[in-house]
C-alpha atoms as a PDB file:
ATOM      1  CA  MET A   1     -20.088  13.774 -32.173  1.00  0.00           C
ATOM      2  CA  THR A   2     -22.014  14.600 -29.011  1.00  0.00           C
ATOM      3  CA  THR A   3     -23.493  17.932 -28.181  1.00  0.00           C
ATOM      4  CA  ASN A   4     -22.430  19.866 -25.117  1.00  0.00           C
ATOM      5  CA  GLY A   5     -25.517  18.743 -23.164  1.00  0.00           C
ATOM      6  CA  THR A   6     -24.746  15.015 -23.373  1.00  0.00           C
ATOM      7  CA  LYS A   7     -21.007  15.257 -22.833  1.00  0.00           C
ATOM      8  CA  GLY A   8     -21.248  15.632 -19.020  1.00  0.00           C
ATOM      9  CA  PRO A   9     -22.723  12.201 -18.250  1.00  0.00           C
ATOM     10  CA  TRP A  10     -20.136  10.500 -20.458  1.00  0.00           C
ATOM     11  CA  VAL A  11     -17.304  12.268 -18.648  1.00  0.00           C
ATOM     12  CA  ALA A  12     -18.774  11.327 -15.253  1.00  0.00           C
ATOM     13  CA  LEU A  13     -19.219   7.701 -16.334  1.00  0.00           C
ATOM     14  CA  THR A  14     -15.656   7.545 -17.641  1.00  0.00           C
ATOM     15  CA  LEU A  15     -14.239   8.961 -14.410  1.00  0.00           C
ATOM     16  CA  LEU A  16     -16.360   6.652 -12.272  1.00  0.00           C
ATOM     17  CA  THR A  17     -15.237   3.632 -14.278  1.00  0.00           C
ATOM     18  CA  ALA A  18     -11.563   4.659 -14.229  1.00  0.00           C
ATOM     19  CA  CYS A  19     -11.607   5.178 -10.464  1.00  0.00           C
ATOM     20  CA  GLY A  20     -13.085   1.792  -9.704  1.00  0.00           C
ATOM     21  CA  GLY A  21     -16.744   2.757  -9.542  1.00  0.00           C
ATOM     22  CA  ALA A  22     -18.836   1.167  -6.836  1.00  0.00           C
ATOM     23  CA  GLY A  23     -16.393  -1.749  -6.552  1.00  0.00           C
ATOM     24  CA  GLY A  24     -13.686   0.550  -5.184  1.00  0.00           C
ATOM     25  CA  ALA A  25     -15.098   0.534  -1.664  1.00  0.00           C
ATOM     26  CA  SER A  26     -15.016  -3.245  -1.340  1.00  0.00           C
ATOM     27  CA  SER A  27     -11.422  -3.410  -2.582  1.00  0.00           C
ATOM     28  CA  LEU A  28     -10.439  -0.907   0.113  1.00  0.00           C
ATOM     29  CA  GLU A  29     -12.144  -3.032   2.734  1.00  0.00           C
ATOM     30  CA  GLU A  30     -10.340  -6.130   1.493  1.00  0.00           C
ATOM     31  CA  SER A  31      -6.929  -4.435   1.599  1.00  0.00           C
ATOM     32  CA  ALA A  32      -7.583  -3.199   5.136  1.00  0.00           C
ATOM     33  CA  SER A  33      -8.027  -6.799   6.264  1.00  0.00           C
ATOM     34  CA  GLY A  34      -5.096  -8.192   4.268  1.00  0.00           C
ATOM     35  CA  PRO A  35      -1.776  -9.438   5.615  1.00  0.00           C
ATOM     36  CA  ARG A  36      -0.260  -5.965   5.867  1.00  0.00           C
ATOM     37  CA  ALA A  37      -3.075  -4.837   8.159  1.00  0.00           C
ATOM     38  CA  GLN A  38      -2.562  -7.670  10.643  1.00  0.00           C
ATOM     39  CA  GLY A  39      -0.036  -5.811  12.786  1.00  0.00           C
ATOM     40  CA  TYR A  40       3.427  -6.718  13.983  1.00  0.00           C
ATOM     41  CA  ASP A  41       4.343 -10.400  13.886  1.00  0.00           C
ATOM     42  CA  PRO A  42       7.911 -11.245  14.977  1.00  0.00           C
ATOM     43  CA  ALA A  43       7.910 -14.225  12.602  1.00  0.00           C
ATOM     44  CA  GLN A  44       7.175 -11.978   9.593  1.00  0.00           C
ATOM     45  CA  HIS A  45       8.593  -8.568  10.541  1.00  0.00           C
ATOM     46  CA  CYS A  46      11.616  -6.961  12.118  1.00  0.00           C
ATOM     47  CA  LEU A  47      11.960  -3.757  14.070  1.00  0.00           C
ATOM     48  CA  VAL A  48      13.614  -0.735  12.453  1.00  0.00           C
ATOM     49  CA  GLY A  49      14.529   2.692  13.762  1.00  0.00           C
ATOM     50  CA  SER A  50      12.623   4.925  11.335  1.00  0.00           C
ATOM     51  CA  SER A  51       9.698   5.099   8.928  1.00  0.00           C
ATOM     52  CA  GLN A  52      11.877   4.675   5.815  1.00  0.00           C
ATOM     53  CA  ILE A  53      14.640   2.254   4.899  1.00  0.00           C
ATOM     54  CA  LEU A  54      16.989   3.004   1.991  1.00  0.00           C
ATOM     55  CA  CYS A  55      17.143  -0.017  -0.282  1.00  0.00           C
ATOM     56  CA  PRO A  56      20.253  -1.000  -2.257  1.00  0.00           C
ATOM     57  CA  GLY A  57      18.654   0.201  -5.527  1.00  0.00           C
ATOM     58  CA  GLY A  58      18.232   3.719  -4.141  1.00  0.00           C
ATOM     59  CA  ILE A  59      14.493   3.525  -3.478  1.00  0.00           C
ATOM     60  CA  TYR A  60      12.881   3.689  -0.055  1.00  0.00           C
ATOM     61  CA  ALA A  61      10.839   0.991   1.634  1.00  0.00           C
ATOM     62  CA  TYR A  62       8.313   2.321   4.115  1.00  0.00           C
ATOM     63  CA  ALA A  63       7.882   0.797   7.551  1.00  0.00           C
ATOM     64  CA  GLN A  64       4.645   0.502   9.489  1.00  0.00           C
ATOM     65  CA  TRP A  65       3.998   1.870  12.964  1.00  0.00           C
ATOM     66  CA  SER A  66       2.670   0.015  15.968  1.00  0.00           C
ATOM     67  CA  ASP A  67       2.076   1.659  19.342  1.00  0.00           C
ATOM     68  CA  GLU A  68       3.295  -1.510  21.039  1.00  0.00           C
ATOM     69  CA  VAL A  69       6.646  -2.006  19.252  1.00  0.00           C
ATOM     70  CA  GLY A  70       7.368   1.086  17.128  1.00  0.00           C
ATOM     71  CA  TRP A  71       8.475   0.912  13.478  1.00  0.00           C
ATOM     72  CA  TYR A  72       8.524  -2.514  11.802  1.00  0.00           C
ATOM     73  CA  ILE A  73       8.999  -3.800   8.264  1.00  0.00           C
ATOM     74  CA  GLU A  74       9.022  -7.031   6.269  1.00  0.00           C
ATOM     75  CA  PRO A  75      12.508  -8.470   5.753  1.00  0.00           C
ATOM     76  CA  ASP A  76      12.070  -8.547   1.954  1.00  0.00           C
ATOM     77  CA  ALA A  77      10.539  -5.059   1.668  1.00  0.00           C
ATOM     78  CA  CYS A  78      13.195  -3.958  -0.837  1.00  0.00           C
ATOM     79  CA  GLY A  79      12.424  -6.877  -3.155  1.00  0.00           C
ATOM     80  CA  THR A  80      16.093  -7.630  -3.780  1.00  0.00           C
ATOM     81  CA  GLY A  81      16.113 -11.080  -2.199  1.00  0.00           C
ATOM     82  CA  THR A  82      18.522  -9.877   0.476  1.00  0.00           C
ATOM     83  CA  PRO A  83      16.818  -9.415   3.849  1.00  0.00           C
ATOM     84  CA  ILE A  84      17.192  -5.922   5.251  1.00  0.00           C
ATOM     85  CA  CYS A  85      16.763  -7.078   8.838  1.00  0.00           C
ATOM     86  CA  PRO A  86      19.450  -8.635  11.010  1.00  0.00           C
ATOM     87  CA  LEU A  87      18.907 -12.349  11.498  1.00  0.00           C
END
């Protein structure tokens, strides 16, 4: 059992490890340059009228905003295999 004086560093280490530690910043940079951060592509996205689309299962899929085109989303954003965008 640890004494009260040595408990603090263990708690800090545990929290740092659980939150990704120093590697967390690089994973954020990688996700910012991933396919979702590329912007609107008419071959991969369709335009929608709002920031949320109600999926058949009752959950919401969230659209992305572009100043050039407005709200857009991936056709398979609901994950049901049925595209949510008109063809």
